[in-house]
Amino acid sequence: MVDKLIKDGNVAVILSTGYAGFSSWANSREEAEKLMFDPEIAQMIIDKKNMLDIIDFAIEKYKNNYVSAFIYELAIIWIPVGKKFLIEEYDGLEVIMFEEDIRFHQA
């Protein structure tokens, strides 16, 4: 089970809002989950710590994973506990897609 920062029934999910993916560029699904839910990094973002310090912390903590030094900004999105979602990435920018937002085609 991955550690998560939970407040008022919502989970803090970390997203990159710039030119380098955060969890979407991870080496594995397991590492991606650790990155997107990391409670220490989430709290640093909430506390408005210096972004360079946050990125340095993430790089040091996840040495065996790809965490880019070119991450421009990280943000927190609060998602209700148990709600299904995925993170889509384009050119480093990560966005949340909820299960009900995904449009499937049928053959």
N, C-alpha and C. Protein backbone atom coordinates (compact mmCIF):
# COMPACT_ATOMS: atom_id res chain seq x y z
N MET A 1 0.84 -1.19 0.00
CA MET A 1 0.00 0.00 0.00
C MET A 1 0.88 1.25 0.00
N VAL A 2 0.57 2.18 -0.84
CA VAL A 2 1.33 3.42 -0.98
C VAL A 2 0.83 4.43 0.06
N ASP A 3 1.77 5.12 0.71
CA ASP A 3 1.40 6.18 1.65
C ASP A 3 0.78 7.34 0.89
N LYS A 4 -0.24 7.95 1.49
CA LYS A 4 -0.96 9.07 0.88
C LYS A 4 -1.25 10.12 1.93
N LEU A 5 -1.33 11.35 1.49
CA LEU A 5 -1.76 12.45 2.35
C LEU A 5 -3.27 12.60 2.16
N ILE A 6 -4.02 12.36 3.23
CA ILE A 6 -5.48 12.41 3.16
C ILE A 6 -5.98 13.46 4.14
N LYS A 7 -6.84 14.35 3.63
CA LYS A 7 -7.47 15.37 4.46
C LYS A 7 -8.92 15.50 4.06
N ASP A 8 -9.80 15.49 5.04
CA ASP A 8 -11.24 15.69 4.81
C ASP A 8 -11.81 14.75 3.74
N GLY A 9 -11.34 13.50 3.73
CA GLY A 9 -11.86 12.51 2.79
C GLY A 9 -11.32 12.63 1.38
N ASN A 10 -10.28 13.44 1.20
CA ASN A 10 -9.67 13.61 -0.11
C ASN A 10 -8.18 13.27 -0.06
N VAL A 11 -7.67 12.76 -1.18
CA VAL A 11 -6.27 12.38 -1.30
C VAL A 11 -5.54 13.43 -2.12
N ALA A 12 -4.36 13.82 -1.65
CA ALA A 12 -3.52 14.75 -2.40
C ALA A 12 -2.82 13.99 -3.52
N VAL A 13 -3.03 14.44 -4.77
CA VAL A 13 -2.37 13.85 -5.93
C VAL A 13 -1.48 14.93 -6.53
N ILE A 14 -0.23 14.58 -6.79
CA ILE A 14 0.76 15.52 -7.28
C ILE A 14 0.82 15.46 -8.80
N LEU A 15 0.76 16.64 -9.43
CA LEU A 15 0.84 16.76 -10.89
C LEU A 15 1.92 17.75 -11.28
N SER A 16 2.53 17.50 -12.43
CA SER A 16 3.43 18.47 -13.04
C SER A 16 2.60 19.38 -13.93
N THR A 17 2.83 20.68 -13.84
CA THR A 17 2.08 21.63 -14.66
C THR A 17 2.95 22.26 -15.74
N GLY A 18 4.09 21.64 -16.02
CA GLY A 18 5.01 22.27 -16.96
C GLY A 18 5.56 21.35 -18.02
N TYR A 19 6.86 21.39 -18.21
CA TYR A 19 7.50 20.77 -19.36
C TYR A 19 8.20 19.45 -19.07
N ALA A 20 7.99 18.89 -17.92
CA ALA A 20 8.55 17.58 -17.60
C ALA A 20 7.55 16.84 -16.73
N GLY A 21 7.22 15.64 -17.11
CA GLY A 21 6.27 14.85 -16.32
C GLY A 21 6.84 14.49 -14.97
N PHE A 22 5.98 14.23 -14.03
CA PHE A 22 6.41 13.79 -12.69
C PHE A 22 6.14 12.30 -12.59
N SER A 23 4.97 11.91 -12.15
CA SER A 23 4.69 10.48 -12.05
C SER A 23 4.50 9.82 -13.41
N SER A 24 4.07 10.59 -14.41
CA SER A 24 3.82 10.02 -15.74
C SER A 24 5.11 9.58 -16.44
N TRP A 25 6.24 10.05 -15.99
CA TRP A 25 7.52 9.66 -16.59
C TRP A 25 8.26 8.65 -15.72
N ALA A 26 7.57 8.04 -14.77
CA ALA A 26 8.19 7.07 -13.87
C ALA A 26 8.59 5.80 -14.62
N ASN A 27 9.49 5.05 -14.02
CA ASN A 27 9.99 3.81 -14.61
C ASN A 27 9.00 2.67 -14.56
N SER A 28 8.05 2.72 -13.63
CA SER A 28 7.09 1.63 -13.48
C SER A 28 5.81 2.18 -12.87
N ARG A 29 4.77 1.38 -12.94
CA ARG A 29 3.49 1.77 -12.35
C ARG A 29 3.63 1.96 -10.83
N GLU A 30 4.38 1.07 -10.20
CA GLU A 30 4.58 1.15 -8.75
C GLU A 30 5.28 2.45 -8.37
N GLU A 31 6.33 2.80 -9.12
CA GLU A 31 7.04 4.05 -8.84
C GLU A 31 6.15 5.26 -9.13
N ALA A 32 5.34 5.18 -10.17
CA ALA A 32 4.42 6.28 -10.49
C ALA A 32 3.48 6.53 -9.33
N GLU A 33 2.95 5.46 -8.74
CA GLU A 33 2.03 5.62 -7.60
C GLU A 33 2.73 6.22 -6.40
N LYS A 34 3.96 5.82 -6.16
CA LYS A 34 4.71 6.41 -5.05
C LYS A 34 4.90 7.91 -5.27
N LEU A 35 5.24 8.29 -6.50
CA LEU A 35 5.46 9.71 -6.81
C LEU A 35 4.18 10.52 -6.71
N MET A 36 3.11 10.06 -7.35
CA MET A 36 1.88 10.87 -7.40
C MET A 36 1.24 11.05 -6.04
N PHE A 37 1.49 10.10 -5.11
CA PHE A 37 0.86 10.16 -3.79
C PHE A 37 1.83 10.53 -2.66
N ASP A 38 3.09 10.79 -2.95
CA ASP A 38 4.09 10.97 -1.90
C ASP A 38 3.62 12.03 -0.89
N PRO A 39 3.38 11.63 0.36
CA PRO A 39 2.84 12.58 1.35
C PRO A 39 3.83 13.68 1.75
N GLU A 40 5.12 13.37 1.75
CA GLU A 40 6.10 14.41 2.11
C GLU A 40 6.18 15.48 1.03
N ILE A 41 6.23 15.05 -0.22
CA ILE A 41 6.28 16.03 -1.31
C ILE A 41 4.98 16.82 -1.37
N ALA A 42 3.86 16.13 -1.19
CA ALA A 42 2.56 16.84 -1.19
C ALA A 42 2.53 17.91 -0.11
N GLN A 43 2.99 17.59 1.07
CA GLN A 43 2.97 18.58 2.16
C GLN A 43 3.91 19.74 1.86
N MET A 44 5.05 19.46 1.23
CA MET A 44 5.97 20.54 0.86
C MET A 44 5.30 21.50 -0.13
N ILE A 45 4.53 20.94 -1.07
CA ILE A 45 3.83 21.79 -2.04
C ILE A 45 2.76 22.62 -1.34
N ILE A 46 2.01 21.99 -0.47
CA ILE A 46 0.96 22.69 0.29
C ILE A 46 1.57 23.81 1.13
N ASP A 47 2.73 23.54 1.72
CA ASP A 47 3.41 24.53 2.56
C ASP A 47 4.14 25.59 1.74
N LYS A 48 4.03 25.48 0.40
CA LYS A 48 4.65 26.45 -0.52
C LYS A 48 6.17 26.54 -0.35
N LYS A 49 6.79 25.37 -0.17
CA LYS A 49 8.25 25.33 -0.10
C LYS A 49 8.81 25.71 -1.46
N ASN A 50 10.06 26.10 -1.50
CA ASN A 50 10.73 26.46 -2.74
C ASN A 50 10.70 25.26 -3.69
N MET A 51 10.26 25.49 -4.94
CA MET A 51 10.11 24.40 -5.90
C MET A 51 11.43 23.69 -6.17
N LEU A 52 12.53 24.42 -6.23
CA LEU A 52 13.82 23.78 -6.45
C LEU A 52 14.17 22.84 -5.31
N ASP A 53 13.84 23.22 -4.08
CA ASP A 53 14.08 22.35 -2.92
C ASP A 53 13.20 21.09 -3.00
N ILE A 54 11.97 21.25 -3.46
CA ILE A 54 11.06 20.10 -3.59
C ILE A 54 11.60 19.14 -4.64
N ILE A 55 12.02 19.66 -5.77
CA ILE A 55 12.55 18.81 -6.84
C ILE A 55 13.83 18.12 -6.38
N ASP A 56 14.72 18.84 -5.71
CA ASP A 56 15.95 18.23 -5.18
C ASP A 56 15.60 17.10 -4.21
N PHE A 57 14.61 17.33 -3.35
CA PHE A 57 14.17 16.31 -2.41
C PHE A 57 13.66 15.07 -3.16
N ALA A 58 12.84 15.28 -4.19
CA ALA A 58 12.28 14.17 -4.96
C ALA A 58 13.37 13.40 -5.68
N ILE A 59 14.33 14.10 -6.27
CA ILE A 59 15.43 13.44 -6.97
C ILE A 59 16.23 12.60 -6.00
N GLU A 60 16.52 13.14 -4.81
CA GLU A 60 17.28 12.39 -3.80
C GLU A 60 16.50 11.18 -3.29
N LYS A 61 15.22 11.36 -3.03
CA LYS A 61 14.40 10.28 -2.47
C LYS A 61 14.18 9.15 -3.48
N TYR A 62 14.02 9.50 -4.74
CA TYR A 62 13.72 8.51 -5.78
C TYR A 62 14.90 8.34 -6.73
N LYS A 63 16.05 8.06 -6.18
CA LYS A 63 17.29 7.95 -6.95
C LYS A 63 17.20 6.95 -8.10
N ASN A 64 16.50 5.86 -7.90
CA ASN A 64 16.42 4.81 -8.92
C ASN A 64 15.31 5.07 -9.93
N ASN A 65 14.67 6.19 -9.84
CA ASN A 65 13.58 6.51 -10.74
C ASN A 65 13.94 7.78 -11.51
N TYR A 66 13.19 8.03 -12.55
CA TYR A 66 13.41 9.25 -13.32
C TYR A 66 12.57 10.37 -12.72
N VAL A 67 13.22 11.33 -12.11
CA VAL A 67 12.57 12.57 -11.69
C VAL A 67 13.38 13.69 -12.33
N SER A 68 12.75 14.42 -13.21
CA SER A 68 13.46 15.43 -14.00
C SER A 68 13.77 16.68 -13.18
N ALA A 69 14.97 17.18 -13.36
CA ALA A 69 15.33 18.46 -12.76
C ALA A 69 14.67 19.61 -13.51
N PHE A 70 14.01 19.31 -14.63
CA PHE A 70 13.38 20.34 -15.45
C PHE A 70 11.90 20.51 -15.15
N ILE A 71 11.44 19.89 -14.07
CA ILE A 71 10.04 20.09 -13.69
C ILE A 71 9.86 21.56 -13.33
N TYR A 72 8.90 22.18 -13.97
CA TYR A 72 8.68 23.61 -13.81
C TYR A 72 7.92 23.92 -12.53
N GLU A 73 6.88 23.17 -12.32
CA GLU A 73 6.01 23.42 -11.16
C GLU A 73 5.21 22.16 -10.85
N LEU A 74 5.03 21.90 -9.58
CA LEU A 74 4.17 20.80 -9.15
C LEU A 74 2.94 21.38 -8.47
N ALA A 75 1.84 20.71 -8.61
CA ALA A 75 0.58 21.17 -8.01
C ALA A 75 -0.11 19.99 -7.35
N ILE A 76 -1.02 20.31 -6.45
CA ILE A 76 -1.83 19.30 -5.77
C ILE A 76 -3.26 19.38 -6.28
N ILE A 77 -3.82 18.23 -6.59
CA ILE A 77 -5.24 18.10 -6.90
C ILE A 77 -5.81 17.18 -5.83
N TRP A 78 -6.90 17.60 -5.21
CA TRP A 78 -7.53 16.79 -4.16
C TRP A 78 -8.62 15.93 -4.80
N ILE A 79 -8.52 14.63 -4.60
CA ILE A 79 -9.46 13.68 -5.19
C ILE A 79 -10.09 12.86 -4.07
N PRO A 80 -11.41 12.68 -4.09
CA PRO A 80 -12.06 11.90 -3.04
C PRO A 80 -11.46 10.48 -2.92
N VAL A 81 -11.31 10.03 -1.70
CA VAL A 81 -10.79 8.69 -1.43
C VAL A 81 -11.62 7.67 -2.20
N GLY A 82 -10.95 6.79 -2.91
CA GLY A 82 -11.62 5.71 -3.64
C GLY A 82 -12.04 6.05 -5.06
N LYS A 83 -11.97 7.33 -5.46
CA LYS A 83 -12.39 7.71 -6.82
C LYS A 83 -11.31 7.27 -7.82
N LYS A 84 -11.74 6.64 -8.92
CA LYS A 84 -10.81 6.16 -9.94
C LYS A 84 -10.42 7.31 -10.88
N PHE A 85 -9.13 7.36 -11.23
CA PHE A 85 -8.62 8.38 -12.13
C PHE A 85 -7.36 7.87 -12.80
N LEU A 86 -6.94 8.59 -13.81
CA LEU A 86 -5.63 8.35 -14.40
C LEU A 86 -5.01 9.70 -14.71
N ILE A 87 -3.70 9.68 -14.88
CA ILE A 87 -2.98 10.90 -15.22
C ILE A 87 -2.56 10.80 -16.67
N GLU A 88 -3.01 11.76 -17.46
CA GLU A 88 -2.60 11.88 -18.86
C GLU A 88 -1.48 12.90 -18.93
N GLU A 89 -0.55 12.68 -19.84
CA GLU A 89 0.59 13.60 -19.98
C GLU A 89 0.78 13.95 -21.44
N TYR A 90 1.02 15.22 -21.70
CA TYR A 90 1.41 15.67 -23.03
C TYR A 90 2.51 16.71 -22.88
N ASP A 91 3.67 16.38 -23.42
CA ASP A 91 4.80 17.31 -23.39
C ASP A 91 5.14 17.75 -21.97
N GLY A 92 4.94 16.84 -21.02
CA GLY A 92 5.27 17.12 -19.62
C GLY A 92 4.11 17.58 -18.77
N LEU A 93 3.11 18.19 -19.38
CA LEU A 93 1.95 18.69 -18.64
C LEU A 93 1.05 17.50 -18.27
N GLU A 94 0.76 17.35 -17.01
CA GLU A 94 -0.07 16.25 -16.54
C GLU A 94 -1.46 16.75 -16.17
N VAL A 95 -2.49 16.01 -16.55
CA VAL A 95 -3.87 16.33 -16.21
C VAL A 95 -4.56 15.07 -15.70
N ILE A 96 -5.58 15.29 -14.89
CA ILE A 96 -6.37 14.20 -14.32
C ILE A 96 -7.54 13.88 -15.24
N MET A 97 -7.75 12.60 -15.46
CA MET A 97 -8.92 12.12 -16.18
C MET A 97 -9.64 11.16 -15.24
N PHE A 98 -10.94 11.40 -15.04
CA PHE A 98 -11.73 10.52 -14.20
C PHE A 98 -12.38 9.44 -15.06
N GLU A 99 -12.70 8.34 -14.41
CA GLU A 99 -13.28 7.20 -15.10
C GLU A 99 -14.47 7.60 -15.97
N GLU A 100 -15.33 8.45 -15.44
CA GLU A 100 -16.54 8.83 -16.18
C GLU A 100 -16.25 9.79 -17.34
N ASP A 101 -15.04 10.36 -17.38
CA ASP A 101 -14.67 11.28 -18.45
C ASP A 101 -14.09 10.57 -19.68
N ILE A 102 -13.73 9.31 -19.50
CA ILE A 102 -13.07 8.58 -20.60
C ILE A 102 -14.14 8.05 -21.54
N ARG A 103 -14.01 8.42 -22.78
CA ARG A 103 -14.99 8.00 -23.79
C ARG A 103 -14.40 6.83 -24.57
N PHE A 104 -15.02 5.70 -24.43
CA PHE A 104 -14.58 4.52 -25.16
C PHE A 104 -15.37 4.41 -26.45
N HIS A 105 -14.75 3.84 -27.47
CA HIS A 105 -15.41 3.56 -28.74
C HIS A 105 -15.76 2.08 -28.76
N GLN A 106 -16.79 1.76 -29.45
CA GLN A 106 -17.21 0.36 -29.52
C GLN A 106 -17.22 -0.08 -30.98
N ALA A 107 -16.61 -1.21 -31.26
CA ALA A 107 -16.56 -1.74 -32.63
C ALA A 107 -17.82 -2.52 -32.94
